[in-house]
Amino acid sequence: MFVVTGYKRTSNGTLRYKVRDVNHGRKTAGKTGYITASRKYVVPVYYASVPKSKKITVIAKKGINTYKSANLTGKAKHYKKGVRLTVKKLVKHNLTTRYQLSNGHYVTANKKLIIAGKY
């Protein structure tokens, strides 16, 4: 996973993102470089909007936790894979997004852990 820290155009005008590797515990953690900006290869890690159905499904193998605050502190409850949750709104926290659930608790909007809709 990378964080975009800037961008640059090549001599022929192709857009490139300057990125920093944020994979903790890896050899490449913290290293910087350039990658293509093509939408074919680069997609956001987090959802940027509330699903039309207002439902999300847990797809993480070990499930996910809900928290009492948007910075994901104060663990509230654990949900297993396959559980459907109802979303109230999207909340931005630093460089990431969180979903606020109908019960007021918060959960990550990471696409690797949840999927929008009923599945």
Foldseek 3Di string as FASTA:
>chain_A
DWDFPAWDADPVGFIKTWTADCPPPDPRHGPIDIDGPDPVPDDDQFDDFQAPVQKKFWADQAFWWWAQDPVRPHTDGTDHGQDMFGFDTWADDVPAIWTQGPVRIITGRGCVTMGHDHD
